[in-house]
PDB file of N, CA and C in Angstrom:
ATOM      1  N   MET A   1       5.496   6.020 -20.646  1.00  0.00           N
ATOM      2  CA  MET A   1       5.267   6.740 -19.480  1.00  0.00           C
ATOM      3  C   MET A   1       5.348   5.837 -18.031  1.00  0.00           C
ATOM      4  N   ALA A   2       5.719   6.526 -17.294  1.00  0.00           N
ATOM      5  CA  ALA A   2       6.091   5.456 -15.966  1.00  0.00           C
ATOM      6  C   ALA A   2       4.621   5.649 -15.222  1.00  0.00           C
ATOM      7  N   SER A   3       4.791   4.417 -14.411  1.00  0.00           N
ATOM      8  CA  SER A   3       3.360   4.050 -13.693  1.00  0.00           C
ATOM      9  C   SER A   3       3.604   4.715 -12.551  1.00  0.00           C
ATOM     10  N   LYS A   4       2.452   5.501 -12.091  1.00  0.00           N
ATOM     11  CA  LYS A   4       2.088   6.039 -10.895  1.00  0.00           C
ATOM     12  C   LYS A   4       2.356   5.157  -9.898  1.00  0.00           C
ATOM     13  N   ARG A   5       3.066   5.821  -8.620  1.00  0.00           N
ATOM     14  CA  ARG A   5       3.234   5.079  -7.510  1.00  0.00           C
ATOM     15  C   ARG A   5       2.200   5.195  -6.472  1.00  0.00           C
ATOM     16  N   GLY A   6       1.680   4.026  -5.958  1.00  0.00           N
ATOM     17  CA  GLY A   6       0.291   3.921  -5.359  1.00  0.00           C
ATOM     18  C   GLY A   6       0.641   4.411  -3.862  1.00  0.00           C
ATOM     19  N   ALA A   7      -0.142   4.927  -3.424  1.00  0.00           N
ATOM     20  CA  ALA A   7      -0.013   5.475  -2.146  1.00  0.00           C
ATOM     21  C   ALA A   7      -1.524   5.720  -1.233  1.00  0.00           C
ATOM     22  N   VAL A   8      -1.670   5.566   0.265  1.00  0.00           N
ATOM     23  CA  VAL A   8      -2.605   6.001   0.638  1.00  0.00           C
ATOM     24  C   VAL A   8      -2.883   7.467   0.729  1.00  0.00           C
ATOM     25  N   ALA A   9      -4.245   7.736   0.327  1.00  0.00           N
ATOM     26  CA  ALA A   9      -4.600   9.110   0.182  1.00  0.00           C
ATOM     27  C   ALA A   9      -5.522   9.796   1.596  1.00  0.00           C
ATOM     28  N   LEU A  10      -6.256   8.620   2.098  1.00  0.00           N
ATOM     29  CA  LEU A  10      -7.026   8.972   3.345  1.00  0.00           C
ATOM     30  C   LEU A  10      -7.115   7.696   3.997  1.00  0.00           C
ATOM     31  N   VAL A  11      -7.404   7.747   5.130  1.00  0.00           N
ATOM     32  CA  VAL A  11      -7.603   6.413   6.106  1.00  0.00           C
ATOM     33  C   VAL A  11      -9.257   7.087   6.514  1.00  0.00           C
ATOM     34  N   LEU A  12      -9.929   6.015   6.507  1.00  0.00           N
ATOM     35  CA  LEU A  12     -11.268   6.549   6.989  1.00  0.00           C
ATOM     36  C   LEU A  12     -11.733   5.796   8.066  1.00  0.00           C
ATOM     37  N   SER A  13     -10.875   4.756   8.543  1.00  0.00           N
ATOM     38  CA  SER A  13     -11.237   4.043   9.524  1.00  0.00           C
ATOM     39  C   SER A  13     -10.137   3.105   9.807  1.00  0.00           C
ATOM     40  N   PRO A  14     -10.118   2.457  11.162  1.00  0.00           N
ATOM     41  CA  PRO A  14      -8.895   1.287  11.195  1.00  0.00           C
ATOM     42  C   PRO A  14      -9.081   0.027  10.235  1.00  0.00           C
ATOM     43  N   SER A  15     -10.219   0.160   9.486  1.00  0.00           N
ATOM     44  CA  SER A  15     -10.252  -0.999   8.823  1.00  0.00           C
ATOM     45  C   SER A  15     -10.591  -0.666   6.853  1.00  0.00           C
ATOM     46  N   LYS A  16     -10.309   0.832   6.714  1.00  0.00           N
ATOM     47  CA  LYS A  16     -10.612   1.268   5.444  1.00  0.00           C
ATOM     48  C   LYS A  16      -9.897   2.414   4.954  1.00  0.00           C
ATOM     49  N   ALA A  17      -9.491   2.254   4.088  1.00  0.00           N
ATOM     50  CA  ALA A  17      -8.293   3.276   3.394  1.00  0.00           C
ATOM     51  C   ALA A  17      -8.593   3.671   2.163  1.00  0.00           C
ATOM     52  N   VAL A  18      -8.431   4.814   1.385  1.00  0.00           N
ATOM     53  CA  VAL A  18      -8.571   5.375   0.003  1.00  0.00           C
ATOM     54  C   VAL A  18      -7.176   5.439  -0.416  1.00  0.00           C
ATOM     55  N   ILE A  19      -7.153   4.903  -1.904  1.00  0.00           N
ATOM     56  CA  ILE A  19      -5.766   4.828  -2.502  1.00  0.00           C
ATOM     57  C   ILE A  19      -5.793   5.861  -3.517  1.00  0.00           C
ATOM     58  N   ASN A  20      -4.510   6.430  -4.097  1.00  0.00           N
ATOM     59  CA  ASN A  20      -4.834   7.092  -5.019  1.00  0.00           C
ATOM     60  C   ASN A  20      -4.756   6.315  -6.240  1.00  0.00           C
ATOM     61  N   LEU A  21      -5.081   5.179  -6.724  1.00  0.00           N
ATOM     62  CA  LEU A  21      -5.001   4.310  -7.877  1.00  0.00           C
ATOM     63  C   LEU A  21      -6.250   3.830  -8.244  1.00  0.00           C
ATOM     64  N   GLY A  22      -6.838   4.218  -9.215  1.00  0.00           N
ATOM     65  CA  GLY A  22      -8.433   3.989  -9.594  1.00  0.00           C
ATOM     66  C   GLY A  22      -8.395   2.963 -10.950  1.00  0.00           C
ATOM     67  N   LYS A  23      -9.460   2.977 -11.717  1.00  0.00           N
ATOM     68  CA  LYS A  23      -9.768   2.402 -13.020  1.00  0.00           C
ATOM     69  C   LYS A  23      -8.918   2.666 -13.823  1.00  0.00           C
ATOM     70  N   SER A  24      -8.377   4.157 -13.928  1.00  0.00           N
ATOM     71  CA  SER A  24      -7.453   4.760 -14.969  1.00  0.00           C
ATOM     72  C   SER A  24      -6.116   4.048 -14.883  1.00  0.00           C
ATOM     73  N   GLU A  25      -5.544   3.243 -13.491  1.00  0.00           N
ATOM     74  CA  GLU A  25      -4.396   2.891 -13.550  1.00  0.00           C
ATOM     75  C   GLU A  25      -4.639   1.390 -13.594  1.00  0.00           C
ATOM     76  N   GLY A  26      -5.946   0.698 -13.817  1.00  0.00           N
ATOM     77  CA  GLY A  26      -5.960  -0.746 -13.883  1.00  0.00           C
ATOM     78  C   GLY A  26      -6.458  -1.361 -12.506  1.00  0.00           C
ATOM     79  N   VAL A  27      -6.829  -0.749 -11.855  1.00  0.00           N
ATOM     80  CA  VAL A  27      -7.186  -1.364 -10.318  1.00  0.00           C
ATOM     81  C   VAL A  27      -8.402  -1.958 -10.305  1.00  0.00           C
ATOM     82  N   GLN A  28      -8.803  -3.049 -10.183  1.00  0.00           N
ATOM     83  CA  GLN A  28     -10.021  -3.985 -10.290  1.00  0.00           C
ATOM     84  C   GLN A  28     -10.606  -4.524  -8.545  1.00  0.00           C
ATOM     85  N   LEU A  29     -11.842  -4.479  -8.644  1.00  0.00           N
ATOM     86  CA  LEU A  29     -12.503  -5.335  -7.459  1.00  0.00           C
ATOM     87  C   LEU A  29     -11.738  -6.439  -6.980  1.00  0.00           C
ATOM     88  N   GLY A  30     -11.534  -6.580  -5.801  1.00  0.00           N
ATOM     89  CA  GLY A  30     -10.965  -7.799  -5.383  1.00  0.00           C
ATOM     90  C   GLY A  30      -9.357  -7.992  -5.403  1.00  0.00           C
ATOM     91  N   SER A  31      -8.691  -7.129  -5.796  1.00  0.00           N
ATOM     92  CA  SER A  31      -7.407  -6.890  -5.902  1.00  0.00           C
ATOM     93  C   SER A  31      -6.711  -6.901  -4.548  1.00  0.00           C
ATOM     94  N   LYS A  32      -5.770  -7.458  -4.304  1.00  0.00           N
ATOM     95  CA  LYS A  32      -5.178  -7.175  -2.930  1.00  0.00           C
ATOM     96  C   LYS A  32      -3.768  -6.633  -2.895  1.00  0.00           C
ATOM     97  N   TYR A  33      -3.560  -5.575  -2.027  1.00  0.00           N
ATOM     98  CA  TYR A  33      -2.468  -4.810  -1.589  1.00  0.00           C
ATOM     99  C   TYR A  33      -1.853  -4.885  -0.696  1.00  0.00           C
ATOM    100  N   LEU A  34      -0.678  -4.652  -0.373  1.00  0.00           N
ATOM    101  CA  LEU A  34       0.126  -4.503   0.474  1.00  0.00           C
ATOM    102  C   LEU A  34       0.414  -3.332   0.889  1.00  0.00           C
ATOM    103  N   VAL A  35       0.269  -2.510   2.058  1.00  0.00           N
ATOM    104  CA  VAL A  35       0.486  -1.182   2.804  1.00  0.00           C
ATOM    105  C   VAL A  35       1.666  -1.259   3.377  1.00  0.00           C
ATOM    106  N   TYR A  36       2.633  -0.211   2.789  1.00  0.00           N
ATOM    107  CA  TYR A  36       3.886  -0.371   3.783  1.00  0.00           C
ATOM    108  C   TYR A  36       4.450   0.946   3.999  1.00  0.00           C
ATOM    109  N   ALA A  37       5.412   1.465   4.902  1.00  0.00           N
ATOM    110  CA  ALA A  37       6.224   2.361   4.945  1.00  0.00           C
ATOM    111  C   ALA A  37       7.758   1.881   4.588  1.00  0.00           C
ATOM    112  N   THR A  38       8.405   2.901   4.227  1.00  0.00           N
ATOM    113  CA  THR A  38       9.818   2.441   3.806  1.00  0.00           C
ATOM    114  C   THR A  38      10.589   2.956   5.359  1.00  0.00           C
ATOM    115  N   GLY A  39      11.728   1.777   5.517  1.00  0.00           N
ATOM    116  CA  GLY A  39      12.132   2.205   6.860  1.00  0.00           C
ATOM    117  C   GLY A  39      13.841   2.114   6.245  1.00  0.00           C
ATOM    118  N   PRO A  40      14.756   2.203   7.214  1.00  0.00           N
ATOM    119  CA  PRO A  40      16.076   2.476   6.611  1.00  0.00           C
ATOM    120  C   PRO A  40      16.811   1.618   5.652  1.00  0.00           C
ATOM    121  N   GLU A  41      17.898   2.063   5.219  1.00  0.00           N
ATOM    122  CA  GLU A  41      18.641   0.870   3.994  1.00  0.00           C
ATOM    123  C   GLU A  41      19.361  -0.055   5.168  1.00  0.00           C
ATOM    124  N   VAL A  42      19.191  -1.358   4.618  1.00  0.00           N
ATOM    125  CA  VAL A  42      19.803  -2.218   5.115  1.00  0.00           C
ATOM    126  C   VAL A  42      21.068  -2.679   4.598  1.00  0.00           C
ATOM    127  N   THR A  43      22.240  -3.043   4.786  1.00  0.00           N
ATOM    128  CA  THR A  43      23.666  -3.110   4.399  1.00  0.00           C
ATOM    129  C   THR A  43      23.563  -4.797   4.758  1.00  0.00           C
ATOM    130  N   ASP A  44      24.614  -5.577   3.793  1.00  0.00           N
ATOM    131  CA  ASP A  44      24.992  -6.591   4.009  1.00  0.00           C
ATOM    132  C   ASP A  44      26.103  -6.715   4.859  1.00  0.00           C
ATOM    133  N   PRO A  45      25.977  -7.362   5.895  1.00  0.00           N
ATOM    134  CA  PRO A  45      27.019  -7.485   6.961  1.00  0.00           C
ATOM    135  C   PRO A  45      28.516  -8.202   6.703  1.00  0.00           C
ATOM    136  N   VAL A  46      28.106  -8.832   5.746  1.00  0.00           N
ATOM    137  CA  VAL A  46      29.608  -9.294   5.344  1.00  0.00           C
ATOM    138  C   VAL A  46      30.604  -8.433   3.912  1.00  0.00           C
ATOM    139  N   THR A  47      29.426  -8.065   3.327  1.00  0.00           N
ATOM    140  CA  THR A  47      30.084  -6.997   1.854  1.00  0.00           C
ATOM    141  C   THR A  47      29.880  -5.663   1.864  1.00  0.00           C
ATOM    142  N   GLY A  48      29.160  -5.264   3.026  1.00  0.00           N
ATOM    143  CA  GLY A  48      28.738  -4.145   3.188  1.00  0.00           C
ATOM    144  C   GLY A  48      27.814  -3.315   1.825  1.00  0.00           C
ATOM    145  N   ASP A  49      27.369  -4.315   1.173  1.00  0.00           N
ATOM    146  CA  ASP A  49      26.767  -3.724  -0.168  1.00  0.00           C
ATOM    147  C   ASP A  49      25.250  -3.384   0.392  1.00  0.00           C
ATOM    148  N   SER A  50      24.651  -2.125  -0.145  1.00  0.00           N
ATOM    149  CA  SER A  50      23.339  -2.138   0.075  1.00  0.00           C
ATOM    150  C   SER A  50      22.345  -3.227  -0.453  1.00  0.00           C
ATOM    151  N   LEU A  51      21.503  -3.754   0.419  1.00  0.00           N
ATOM    152  CA  LEU A  51      20.389  -4.631   0.360  1.00  0.00           C
ATOM    153  C   LEU A  51      18.784  -3.964   0.133  1.00  0.00           C
ATOM    154  N   GLY A  52      19.115  -2.703   0.144  1.00  0.00           N
ATOM    155  CA  GLY A  52      17.946  -1.970  -0.323  1.00  0.00           C
ATOM    156  C   GLY A  52      17.251  -1.023   0.940  1.00  0.00           C
ATOM    157  N   GLN A  53      16.301  -0.652   0.770  1.00  0.00           N
ATOM    158  CA  GLN A  53      15.331  -0.037   2.062  1.00  0.00           C
ATOM    159  C   GLN A  53      14.500  -1.159   2.321  1.00  0.00           C
ATOM    160  N   LEU A  54      14.364  -1.272   3.629  1.00  0.00           N
ATOM    161  CA  LEU A  54      13.379  -2.162   4.487  1.00  0.00           C
ATOM    162  C   LEU A  54      11.885  -1.882   4.452  1.00  0.00           C
ATOM    163  N   GLU A  55      10.947  -2.719   3.744  1.00  0.00           N
ATOM    164  CA  GLU A  55       9.712  -2.206   4.017  1.00  0.00           C
ATOM    165  C   GLU A  55       8.928  -2.584   5.042  1.00  0.00           C
ATOM    166  N   LEU A  56       8.433  -1.556   5.902  1.00  0.00           N
ATOM    167  CA  LEU A  56       7.630  -2.250   6.832  1.00  0.00           C
ATOM    168  C   LEU A  56       6.312  -2.284   6.960  1.00  0.00           C
ATOM    169  N   VAL A  57       5.910  -3.561   7.005  1.00  0.00           N
ATOM    170  CA  VAL A  57       4.484  -3.939   6.636  1.00  0.00           C
ATOM    171  C   VAL A  57       3.561  -3.265   7.600  1.00  0.00           C
ATOM    172  N   LYS A  58       2.439  -2.814   6.961  1.00  0.00           N
ATOM    173  CA  LYS A  58       1.405  -2.113   8.173  1.00  0.00           C
ATOM    174  C   LYS A  58       0.180  -2.754   7.587  1.00  0.00           C
ATOM    175  N   GLY A  59      -0.067  -3.619   6.803  1.00  0.00           N
ATOM    176  CA  GLY A  59      -1.032  -4.077   6.560  1.00  0.00           C
ATOM    177  C   GLY A  59      -1.612  -4.777   5.089  1.00  0.00           C
ATOM    178  N   PHE A  60      -2.503  -5.483   4.929  1.00  0.00           N
ATOM    179  CA  PHE A  60      -2.923  -6.039   3.652  1.00  0.00           C
ATOM    180  C   PHE A  60      -4.342  -5.503   3.475  1.00  0.00           C
ATOM    181  N   GLY A  61      -4.728  -5.243   2.213  1.00  0.00           N
ATOM    182  CA  GLY A  61      -6.308  -5.108   2.175  1.00  0.00           C
ATOM    183  C   GLY A  61      -6.650  -5.444   0.701  1.00  0.00           C
ATOM    184  N   LEU A  62      -8.115  -5.409   0.451  1.00  0.00           N
ATOM    185  CA  LEU A  62      -8.648  -5.841  -0.924  1.00  0.00           C
ATOM    186  C   LEU A  62      -9.445  -4.846  -1.202  1.00  0.00           C
ATOM    187  N   VAL A  63      -9.497  -4.363  -2.539  1.00  0.00           N
ATOM    188  CA  VAL A  63     -10.307  -3.445  -3.204  1.00  0.00           C
ATOM    189  C   VAL A  63     -11.561  -3.580  -3.148  1.00  0.00           C
ATOM    190  N   THR A  64     -12.359  -2.930  -2.543  1.00  0.00           N
ATOM    191  CA  THR A  64     -13.985  -2.983  -2.248  1.00  0.00           C
ATOM    192  C   THR A  64     -14.756  -2.249  -3.273  1.00  0.00           C
ATOM    193  N   HIS A  65     -13.973  -0.956  -3.587  1.00  0.00           N
ATOM    194  CA  HIS A  65     -14.862   0.127  -4.297  1.00  0.00           C
ATOM    195  C   HIS A  65     -13.482   0.576  -5.350  1.00  0.00           C
ATOM    196  N   VAL A  66     -14.092   0.951  -6.587  1.00  0.00           N
ATOM    197  CA  VAL A  66     -13.109   1.699  -7.773  1.00  0.00           C
ATOM    198  C   VAL A  66     -13.735   2.358  -8.273  1.00  0.00           C
ATOM    199  N   GLN A  67     -13.192   3.731  -8.271  1.00  0.00           N
ATOM    200  CA  GLN A  67     -13.636   4.976  -9.005  1.00  0.00           C
ATOM    201  C   GLN A  67     -12.518   5.204 -10.058  1.00  0.00           C
ATOM    202  N   GLU A  68     -12.780   6.473 -10.824  1.00  0.00           N
ATOM    203  CA  GLU A  68     -11.643   6.486 -11.879  1.00  0.00           C
ATOM    204  C   GLU A  68     -10.330   6.660 -11.650  1.00  0.00           C
ATOM    205  N   ASN A  69     -10.188   7.526 -10.628  1.00  0.00           N
ATOM    206  CA  ASN A  69      -8.673   7.813  -9.893  1.00  0.00           C
ATOM    207  C   ASN A  69      -8.522   7.634  -8.648  1.00  0.00           C
ATOM    208  N   MET A  70      -9.507   6.871  -8.071  1.00  0.00           N
ATOM    209  CA  MET A  70      -9.036   6.136  -6.766  1.00  0.00           C
ATOM    210  C   MET A  70      -9.902   4.799  -6.274  1.00  0.00           C
ATOM    211  N   ALA A  71      -9.433   4.348  -5.173  1.00  0.00           N
ATOM    212  CA  ALA A  71     -10.100   3.084  -5.033  1.00  0.00           C
ATOM    213  C   ALA A  71     -10.142   2.949  -3.299  1.00  0.00           C
ATOM    214  N   THR A  72     -11.017   2.164  -2.628  1.00  0.00           N
ATOM    215  CA  THR A  72     -11.348   1.855  -1.181  1.00  0.00           C
ATOM    216  C   THR A  72     -10.712   0.369  -1.172  1.00  0.00           C
ATOM    217  N   LEU A  73      -9.753   0.478  -0.218  1.00  0.00           N
ATOM    218  CA  LEU A  73      -9.246  -0.878   0.501  1.00  0.00           C
ATOM    219  C   LEU A  73      -9.963  -1.002   1.894  1.00  0.00           C
ATOM    220  N   SER A  74     -10.035  -2.571   1.847  1.00  0.00           N
ATOM    221  CA  SER A  74     -10.653  -2.865   3.380  1.00  0.00           C
ATOM    222  C   SER A  74      -9.867  -3.877   3.728  1.00  0.00           C
ATOM    223  N   ALA A  75      -9.131  -3.603   5.118  1.00  0.00           N
ATOM    224  CA  ALA A  75      -8.145  -4.459   5.552  1.00  0.00           C
ATOM    225  C   ALA A  75      -8.692  -5.905   5.837  1.00  0.00           C
ATOM    226  N   GLU A  76      -7.718  -6.767   5.632  1.00  0.00           N
ATOM    227  CA  GLU A  76      -8.055  -8.015   5.554  1.00  0.00           C
ATOM    228  C   GLU A  76      -8.439  -8.582   7.305  1.00  0.00           C
ATOM    229  N   VAL A  77      -7.671  -7.892   7.861  1.00  0.00           N
ATOM    230  CA  VAL A  77      -8.173  -8.416   9.445  1.00  0.00           C
ATOM    231  C   VAL A  77      -8.873  -7.287  10.071  1.00  0.00           C
ATOM    232  N   SER A  78      -9.669  -7.455  11.158  1.00  0.00           N
ATOM    233  CA  SER A  78     -10.510  -6.127  11.847  1.00  0.00           C
ATOM    234  C   SER A  78      -9.107  -5.208  12.367  1.00  0.00           C
ATOM    235  N   ALA A  79      -9.135  -3.829  11.993  1.00  0.00           N
ATOM    236  CA  ALA A  79      -8.354  -2.697  12.783  1.00  0.00           C
ATOM    237  C   ALA A  79      -7.134  -2.980  12.045  1.00  0.00           C
ATOM    238  N   GLY A  80      -7.206  -3.806  10.836  1.00  0.00           N
ATOM    239  CA  GLY A  80      -5.715  -3.864  10.295  1.00  0.00           C
ATOM    240  C   GLY A  80      -5.049  -2.755   9.774  1.00  0.00           C
ATOM    241  N   PHE A  81      -5.546  -1.639   9.567  1.00  0.00           N
ATOM    242  CA  PHE A  81      -5.064  -0.396   9.143  1.00  0.00           C
ATOM    243  C   PHE A  81      -4.965   0.588  10.410  1.00  0.00           C
ATOM    244  N   ALA A  82      -4.923   0.040  11.576  1.00  0.00           N
ATOM    245  CA  ALA A  82      -4.727   0.970  12.884  1.00  0.00           C
ATOM    246  C   ALA A  82      -3.278   1.964  12.502  1.00  0.00           C
ATOM    247  N   THR A  83      -2.546   1.503  12.152  1.00  0.00           N
ATOM    248  CA  THR A  83      -1.207   2.230  12.182  1.00  0.00           C
ATOM    249  C   THR A  83      -0.858   2.488  10.433  1.00  0.00           C
ATOM    250  N   VAL A  84      -1.721   2.717   9.875  1.00  0.00           N
ATOM    251  CA  VAL A  84      -1.723   3.378   8.345  1.00  0.00           C
ATOM    252  C   VAL A  84      -2.024   4.747   8.466  1.00  0.00           C
ATOM    253  N   GLY A  85      -1.001   5.496   7.438  1.00  0.00           N
ATOM    254  CA  GLY A  85      -1.614   6.893   7.711  1.00  0.00           C
ATOM    255  C   GLY A  85      -1.334   7.324   6.121  1.00  0.00           C
ATOM    256  N   ARG A  86      -1.610   8.600   5.886  1.00  0.00           N
ATOM    257  CA  ARG A  86      -1.598   8.944   4.358  1.00  0.00           C
ATOM    258  C   ARG A  86      -0.175   9.202   4.158  1.00  0.00           C
ATOM    259  N   GLY A  87       0.116   8.630   2.979  1.00  0.00           N
ATOM    260  CA  GLY A  87       1.277   8.797   2.236  1.00  0.00           C
ATOM    261  C   GLY A  87       2.041   7.432   2.386  1.00  0.00           C
ATOM    262  N   ASP A  88       1.720   6.682   3.123  1.00  0.00           N
ATOM    263  CA  ASP A  88       2.192   5.295   3.329  1.00  0.00           C
ATOM    264  C   ASP A  88       1.964   4.605   1.903  1.00  0.00           C
ATOM    265  N   LEU A  89       2.823   3.619   1.557  1.00  0.00           N
ATOM    266  CA  LEU A  89       2.971   3.148   0.246  1.00  0.00           C
ATOM    267  C   LEU A  89       2.024   2.104  -0.213  1.00  0.00           C
ATOM    268  N   ILE A  90       1.593   1.759  -1.249  1.00  0.00           N
ATOM    269  CA  ILE A  90       1.014   0.240  -1.801  1.00  0.00           C
ATOM    270  C   ILE A  90       1.649  -0.130  -3.035  1.00  0.00           C
ATOM    271  N   ARG A  91       1.435  -1.455  -2.699  1.00  0.00           N
ATOM    272  CA  ARG A  91       1.716  -2.373  -4.109  1.00  0.00           C
ATOM    273  C   ARG A  91       0.860  -3.720  -4.158  1.00  0.00           C
ATOM    274  N   LYS A  92       0.574  -3.525  -5.357  1.00  0.00           N
ATOM    275  CA  LYS A  92      -0.351  -5.106  -5.972  1.00  0.00           C
ATOM    276  C   LYS A  92       0.296  -6.170  -5.366  1.00  0.00           C
ATOM    277  N   VAL A  93      -0.343  -7.155  -4.662  1.00  0.00           N
ATOM    278  CA  VAL A  93       0.321  -8.455  -4.508  1.00  0.00           C
ATOM    279  C   VAL A  93      -0.523  -9.531  -5.040  1.00  0.00           C
ATOM    280  N   SER A  94      -1.421  -9.392  -5.872  1.00  0.00           N
ATOM    281  CA  SER A  94      -2.443 -10.434  -6.194  1.00  0.00           C
ATOM    282  C   SER A  94      -3.351  -9.688  -7.509  1.00  0.00           C
TER     283      SER A  94
END
């Protein structure tokens, strides 16, 4: 079974967001997540090969509350989620 793709489900404030992953996906209190959007595909200027899609970093957050199917992230810096929106992607970084 493929793992569920993490994303922002709800922005509560400029410093708090709800994600669509929870205990059932192994989310734990204190885990750190990167919040990002996907940008354009980048190509190597020499070979023309695709380097992949650029990740546009929107912030980092720590899990402060976990439920079965969702969790709450608190931004590492005040107003750290000011540009975060529903559907932005997340990835665990620690």
